[in-house]
């Protein structure tokens, strides 16, 4: 039950954060979410996506190359921070390695 609450909170945070992106940047986010299975995550598993450095790298690269923007990078950092905080507050014991791009930092949330 607690895990379900964390997932719902993460999805809501994602939707709210994505509203600040333009159409091109939103396509990058959607494309990277669509890569969940290739990144070893189930669809909608924000904690897993944020723990995978290739997710944030993909957002960074797509934003820069397709949109000429670094806002997808800021989105990834903010979104993954919100996901980690939501998971930590919703689950008694959770350990997550969340990669935040440029500079890459690993947050251990317990």
C-alpha atoms as a PDB file:
ATOM      1  CA  UNK A   1       0.000   0.000   0.000  1.00  0.00           C
ATOM      2  CA  UNK A   2       2.770   2.427   0.916  1.00  0.00           C
ATOM      3  CA  UNK A   3       4.538   1.665  -2.360  1.00  0.00           C
ATOM      4  CA  UNK A   4       1.338   2.471  -4.274  1.00  0.00           C
ATOM      5  CA  UNK A   5       1.122   5.838  -2.526  1.00  0.00           C
ATOM      6  CA  UNK A   6       4.730   6.562  -3.472  1.00  0.00           C
ATOM      7  CA  UNK A   7       4.083   5.690  -7.110  1.00  0.00           C
ATOM      8  CA  UNK A   8       0.946   7.855  -7.283  1.00  0.00           C
ATOM      9  CA  UNK A   9       2.802  10.767  -5.668  1.00  0.00           C
ATOM     10  CA  UNK A  10       5.665  10.370  -8.129  1.00  0.00           C
ATOM     11  CA  UNK A  11       3.302  10.361 -11.111  1.00  0.00           C
ATOM     12  CA  UNK A  12       1.567  13.518  -9.855  1.00  0.00           C
ATOM     13  CA  UNK A  13       4.928  15.239  -9.335  1.00  0.00           C
ATOM     14  CA  UNK A  14       5.943  14.215 -12.842  1.00  0.00           C
ATOM     15  CA  UNK A  15       2.792  15.639 -14.444  1.00  0.00           C
ATOM     16  CA  UNK A  16       3.135  18.915 -12.553  1.00  0.00           C
ATOM     17  CA  UNK A  17       6.819  19.294 -13.422  1.00  0.00           C
ATOM     18  CA  UNK A  18       6.295  18.411 -17.077  1.00  0.00           C
ATOM     19  CA  UNK A  19       3.896  21.351 -17.481  1.00  0.00           C
ATOM     20  CA  UNK A  20       6.899  23.711 -17.295  1.00  0.00           C
ATOM     21  CA  UNK A  21       8.466  22.176 -20.427  1.00  0.00           C
ATOM     22  CA  UNK A  22       7.771  23.173 -24.010  1.00  0.00           C
ATOM     23  CA  UNK A  23       6.373  20.682 -26.538  1.00  0.00           C
ATOM     24  CA  UNK A  24       9.769  19.515 -27.781  1.00  0.00           C
ATOM     25  CA  UNK A  25      11.066  18.977 -24.258  1.00  0.00           C
ATOM     26  CA  UNK A  26       7.893  17.093 -23.306  1.00  0.00           C
ATOM     27  CA  UNK A  27       8.457  14.757 -26.273  1.00  0.00           C
ATOM     28  CA  UNK A  28      11.942  14.032 -24.900  1.00  0.00           C
ATOM     29  CA  UNK A  29      10.494  13.145 -21.503  1.00  0.00           C
ATOM     30  CA  UNK A  30       7.811  10.943 -23.053  1.00  0.00           C
ATOM     31  CA  UNK A  31      10.401   9.225 -25.253  1.00  0.00           C
ATOM     32  CA  UNK A  32      12.660   8.476 -22.286  1.00  0.00           C
ATOM     33  CA  UNK A  33       9.729   7.145 -20.257  1.00  0.00           C
ATOM     34  CA  UNK A  34       8.948   4.906 -23.216  1.00  0.00           C
ATOM     35  CA  UNK A  35      12.440   3.431 -22.845  1.00  0.00           C
ATOM     36  CA  UNK A  36      11.597   2.084 -19.358  1.00  0.00           C
ATOM     37  CA  UNK A  37      11.821  -1.593 -20.308  1.00  0.00           C
ATOM     38  CA  UNK A  38      15.160  -1.057 -22.095  1.00  0.00           C
ATOM     39  CA  UNK A  39      16.405   0.631 -18.917  1.00  0.00           C
ATOM     40  CA  UNK A  40      15.339  -2.361 -16.813  1.00  0.00           C
ATOM     41  CA  UNK A  41      12.271  -0.646 -15.328  1.00  0.00           C
ATOM     42  CA  UNK A  42       8.578  -1.334 -15.498  1.00  0.00           C
ATOM     43  CA  UNK A  43       6.402   1.376 -17.012  1.00  0.00           C
ATOM     44  CA  UNK A  44       5.679   4.153 -14.547  1.00  0.00           C
ATOM     45  CA  UNK A  45       8.400   3.108 -12.089  1.00  0.00           C
ATOM     46  CA  UNK A  46       9.846   6.546 -11.452  1.00  0.00           C
ATOM     47  CA  UNK A  47      12.180   5.365  -8.694  1.00  0.00           C
ATOM     48  CA  UNK A  48      13.750   2.839 -11.056  1.00  0.00           C
ATOM     49  CA  UNK A  49      14.048   5.364 -13.909  1.00  0.00           C
ATOM     50  CA  UNK A  50      15.689   7.955 -11.679  1.00  0.00           C
ATOM     51  CA  UNK A  51      18.114   5.345 -10.356  1.00  0.00           C
ATOM     52  CA  UNK A  52      19.276   4.697 -13.916  1.00  0.00           C
ATOM     53  CA  UNK A  53      21.838   7.225 -15.097  1.00  0.00           C
ATOM     54  CA  UNK A  54      20.889   6.511 -18.722  1.00  0.00           C
ATOM     55  CA  UNK A  55      17.451   8.040 -18.037  1.00  0.00           C
ATOM     56  CA  UNK A  56      18.894  11.406 -17.018  1.00  0.00           C
ATOM     57  CA  UNK A  57      21.568  11.200 -19.732  1.00  0.00           C
ATOM     58  CA  UNK A  58      18.859  10.571 -22.326  1.00  0.00           C
ATOM     59  CA  UNK A  59      16.827  13.537 -21.117  1.00  0.00           C
ATOM     60  CA  UNK A  60      19.914  15.743 -21.217  1.00  0.00           C
ATOM     61  CA  UNK A  61      20.962  14.612 -24.683  1.00  0.00           C
ATOM     62  CA  UNK A  62      17.489  14.784 -26.216  1.00  0.00           C
ATOM     63  CA  UNK A  63      16.873  18.243 -24.799  1.00  0.00           C
ATOM     64  CA  UNK A  64      20.196  19.535 -26.068  1.00  0.00           C
ATOM     65  CA  UNK A  65      20.148  17.897 -29.491  1.00  0.00           C
ATOM     66  CA  UNK A  66      16.467  17.987 -30.435  1.00  0.00           C
ATOM     67  CA  UNK A  67      15.335  21.110 -28.614  1.00  0.00           C
ATOM     68  CA  UNK A  68      18.487  23.187 -28.132  1.00  0.00           C
ATOM     69  CA  UNK A  69      17.637  23.340 -24.448  1.00  0.00           C
ATOM     70  CA  UNK A  70      19.039  22.211 -21.122  1.00  0.00           C
ATOM     71  CA  UNK A  71      15.683  22.489 -19.353  1.00  0.00           C
ATOM     72  CA  UNK A  72      15.147  18.722 -19.608  1.00  0.00           C
ATOM     73  CA  UNK A  73      18.257  18.391 -17.448  1.00  0.00           C
ATOM     74  CA  UNK A  74      16.773  20.680 -14.798  1.00  0.00           C
ATOM     75  CA  UNK A  75      13.508  18.769 -15.084  1.00  0.00           C
ATOM     76  CA  UNK A  76      15.306  15.455 -14.473  1.00  0.00           C
ATOM     77  CA  UNK A  77      17.102  16.772 -11.403  1.00  0.00           C
ATOM     78  CA  UNK A  78      13.941  18.264  -9.909  1.00  0.00           C
ATOM     79  CA  UNK A  79      11.748  15.288 -10.810  1.00  0.00           C
ATOM     80  CA  UNK A  80      14.166  12.686  -9.446  1.00  0.00           C
ATOM     81  CA  UNK A  81      14.630  14.704  -6.253  1.00  0.00           C
ATOM     82  CA  UNK A  82      10.843  14.778  -5.788  1.00  0.00           C
ATOM     83  CA  UNK A  83      10.624  11.043  -6.508  1.00  0.00           C
ATOM     84  CA  UNK A  84      13.309  10.239  -3.930  1.00  0.00           C
ATOM     85  CA  UNK A  85      11.692  12.450  -1.292  1.00  0.00           C
ATOM     86  CA  UNK A  86       8.239  11.013  -1.980  1.00  0.00           C
ATOM     87  CA  UNK A  87       9.494   7.445  -1.797  1.00  0.00           C
ATOM     88  CA  UNK A  88      11.395   8.123   1.423  1.00  0.00           C
ATOM     89  CA  UNK A  89       8.395   9.684   3.114  1.00  0.00           C
ATOM     90  CA  UNK A  90       5.980   6.982   1.933  1.00  0.00           C
ATOM     91  CA  UNK A  91       8.005   3.880   2.660  1.00  0.00           C
ATOM     92  CA  UNK A  92       9.517   3.096   6.043  1.00  0.00           C
ATOM     93  CA  UNK A  93      12.725   1.577   4.652  1.00  0.00           C
ATOM     94  CA  UNK A  94      13.760   2.338   1.087  1.00  0.00           C
ATOM     95  CA  UNK A  95      17.195   2.669  -0.424  1.00  0.00           C
ATOM     96  CA  UNK A  96      17.458   4.370  -3.786  1.00  0.00           C
ATOM     97  CA  UNK A  97      20.455   5.552  -5.756  1.00  0.00           C
ATOM     98  CA  UNK A  98      19.243   8.569  -7.668  1.00  0.00           C
ATOM     99  CA  UNK A  99      21.597  10.110 -10.187  1.00  0.00           C
ATOM    100  CA  UNK A 100      21.400  13.850 -10.599  1.00  0.00           C
ATOM    101  CA  UNK A 101      23.135  15.072 -13.729  1.00  0.00           C
ATOM    102  CA  UNK A 102      25.862  17.692 -14.051  1.00  0.00           C
ATOM    103  CA  UNK A 103      27.635  17.141 -11.819  1.00  0.00           C
ATOM    104  CA  UNK A 104      26.557  13.583 -11.248  1.00  0.00           C
ATOM    105  CA  UNK A 105      25.782  12.961  -7.655  1.00  0.00           C
ATOM    106  CA  UNK A 106      24.368   9.895  -6.002  1.00  0.00           C
ATOM    107  CA  UNK A 107      21.756  10.468  -3.348  1.00  0.00           C
ATOM    108  CA  UNK A 108      21.222   7.573  -0.999  1.00  0.00           C
ATOM    109  CA  UNK A 109      17.761   7.871   0.397  1.00  0.00           C
ATOM    110  CA  UNK A 110      17.031   5.670   3.367  1.00  0.00           C
END
